[in-house]
């Protein structure tokens, strides 16, 4: 494992651990979307163009937002605005991915973005390859 992969793995492990701590205090949220449970650590070496993405939306609230970034979108690499669906929360957010963001995902690197502000708050959106 080279230094870069070790650093990426370490950061993802820490971020995943933080997500687990948040999820343990929000057990009623389980099963409300693919982005609520961090992927196993072996997914750190994912392939976005082959298997798509895993999207974390932080901070969590009940119900949490979900967004789907597909392998097709990544392959096209055209700026796109995604809606973080309301999931009965009563509001939505948007997040914009640029061609550069998609190029990072094509190289199987994670992308972190901030959502729009709605109802006085925003979310950090982290997109990982699965």
Protein backbone atom coordinates (compact mmCIF):
# COMPACT_ATOMS: atom_id res chain seq x y z
CA UNK A 1 0.00 0.00 0.00
CA UNK A 2 1.53 3.31 -1.04
CA UNK A 3 1.41 6.49 1.06
CA UNK A 4 -1.48 8.05 -0.88
CA UNK A 5 -3.69 4.97 -0.59
CA UNK A 6 -2.87 4.69 3.10
CA UNK A 7 -3.90 8.32 3.69
CA UNK A 8 -7.15 7.89 1.71
CA UNK A 9 -7.90 4.66 3.56
CA UNK A 10 -7.16 6.31 6.93
CA UNK A 11 -9.40 9.30 6.23
CA UNK A 12 -12.22 7.07 5.00
CA UNK A 13 -11.88 4.84 8.07
CA UNK A 14 -12.10 7.84 10.40
CA UNK A 15 -15.06 9.29 8.49
CA UNK A 16 -16.78 5.88 8.52
CA UNK A 17 -16.24 5.59 12.28
CA UNK A 18 -17.75 9.04 12.81
CA UNK A 19 -20.78 8.01 10.73
CA UNK A 20 -21.22 4.88 12.85
CA UNK A 21 -21.21 6.98 16.04
CA UNK A 22 -23.86 9.26 14.56
CA UNK A 23 -25.93 6.30 13.37
CA UNK A 24 -25.80 4.57 16.73
CA UNK A 25 -27.66 7.52 18.24
CA UNK A 26 -30.23 7.51 15.40
CA UNK A 27 -31.25 3.87 15.20
CA UNK A 28 -34.78 4.73 14.04
CA UNK A 29 -33.23 5.88 10.76
CA UNK A 30 -31.96 2.46 9.69
CA UNK A 31 -33.31 1.29 6.38
CA UNK A 32 -34.32 4.77 5.14
CA UNK A 33 -31.87 4.97 2.27
CA UNK A 34 -28.68 3.53 0.89
CA UNK A 35 -26.64 6.48 2.14
CA UNK A 36 -27.20 5.88 5.86
CA UNK A 37 -24.85 2.98 6.53
CA UNK A 38 -21.18 3.33 5.61
CA UNK A 39 -19.89 0.71 3.21
CA UNK A 40 -17.48 -1.95 4.48
CA UNK A 41 -13.84 -0.89 4.47
CA UNK A 42 -13.04 -3.06 1.46
CA UNK A 43 -15.09 -0.65 -0.67
CA UNK A 44 -12.40 2.02 -0.26
CA UNK A 45 -10.85 0.57 -3.44
CA UNK A 46 -14.13 0.93 -5.37
CA UNK A 47 -14.84 1.43 -9.04
CA UNK A 48 -17.33 4.24 -9.75
CA UNK A 49 -17.68 3.51 -13.47
CA UNK A 50 -18.33 -0.19 -12.88
CA UNK A 51 -20.37 -0.23 -9.64
CA UNK A 52 -21.55 3.35 -9.11
CA UNK A 53 -21.39 5.33 -5.89
CA UNK A 54 -22.21 5.34 -2.21
CA UNK A 55 -23.38 8.77 -1.01
CA UNK A 56 -23.15 9.98 2.60
CA UNK A 57 -25.25 12.98 3.61
CA UNK A 58 -24.09 14.53 6.90
CA UNK A 59 -25.27 15.67 9.35
CA UNK A 60 -28.06 13.14 9.63
CA UNK A 61 -31.58 14.04 10.57
CA UNK A 62 -34.83 12.09 10.61
CA UNK A 63 -35.69 11.32 7.90
CA UNK A 64 -32.41 11.90 6.10
CA UNK A 65 -31.95 12.99 2.50
CA UNK A 66 -30.86 10.64 -0.27
CA UNK A 67 -29.27 11.26 -3.67
CA UNK A 68 -28.15 8.87 -6.38
CA UNK A 69 -25.04 9.57 -8.48
CA UNK A 70 -24.99 6.92 -11.19
CA UNK A 71 -22.13 5.38 -13.16
CA UNK A 72 -23.76 6.85 -16.29
CA UNK A 73 -23.56 10.38 -14.84
CA UNK A 74 -19.91 9.83 -13.94
CA UNK A 75 -19.11 8.57 -17.43
CA UNK A 76 -20.81 11.61 -19.04
CA UNK A 77 -18.89 14.08 -16.78
CA UNK A 78 -21.26 17.00 -17.46
CA UNK A 79 -22.08 19.51 -14.69
CA UNK A 80 -25.23 18.39 -12.96
CA UNK A 81 -27.40 19.62 -10.11
CA UNK A 82 -28.77 16.87 -7.89
CA UNK A 83 -31.72 17.22 -5.55
CA UNK A 84 -31.30 15.73 -2.09
CA UNK A 85 -34.77 14.24 -1.85
CA UNK A 86 -36.95 15.21 1.08
CA UNK A 87 -37.84 11.64 2.24
CA UNK A 88 -40.80 13.20 4.12
CA UNK A 89 -38.54 15.72 5.87
CA UNK A 90 -40.55 18.57 4.33
CA UNK A 91 -37.61 20.13 2.46
CA UNK A 92 -34.95 19.45 -0.15
CA UNK A 93 -31.41 20.63 -0.85
CA UNK A 94 -29.35 20.72 -4.03
CA UNK A 95 -25.73 19.85 -4.68
CA UNK A 96 -23.80 20.62 -7.86
CA UNK A 97 -21.18 18.28 -9.31
CA UNK A 98 -18.79 19.76 -11.86
CA UNK A 99 -16.92 18.03 -14.69
CA UNK A 100 -13.84 18.07 -12.43
CA UNK A 101 -15.81 16.27 -9.68
CA UNK A 102 -16.81 13.61 -12.19
CA UNK A 103 -13.19 13.24 -13.35
CA UNK A 104 -12.19 12.54 -9.73
CA UNK A 105 -14.93 9.91 -9.51
CA UNK A 106 -13.74 8.41 -12.82
CA UNK A 107 -10.36 8.03 -11.09
CA UNK A 108 -12.17 6.36 -8.14
CA UNK A 109 -11.46 9.25 -5.77
CA UNK A 110 -14.00 10.57 -3.25
CA UNK A 111 -15.69 13.93 -3.74
CA UNK A 112 -16.98 16.16 -0.93
CA UNK A 113 -19.42 19.01 -1.59
CA UNK A 114 -21.70 21.27 0.43
CA UNK A 115 -25.42 21.31 -0.32
CA UNK A 116 -27.56 24.39 -0.65
CA UNK A 117 -28.90 25.97 2.55
CA UNK A 118 -32.56 25.19 3.25
CA UNK A 119 -34.45 25.64 6.54
CA UNK A 120 -31.33 27.25 7.99
CA UNK A 121 -28.96 24.34 7.43
CA UNK A 122 -26.79 22.64 4.81
CA UNK A 123 -25.29 19.17 4.49
CA UNK A 124 -21.87 17.85 3.62
CA UNK A 125 -22.26 15.34 0.80
CA UNK A 126 -19.47 12.78 0.34
CA UNK A 127 -19.50 10.57 -2.73
CA UNK A 128 -17.43 7.38 -2.64
CA UNK A 129 -16.99 4.63 -5.21
CA UNK A 130 -18.38 1.18 -4.44
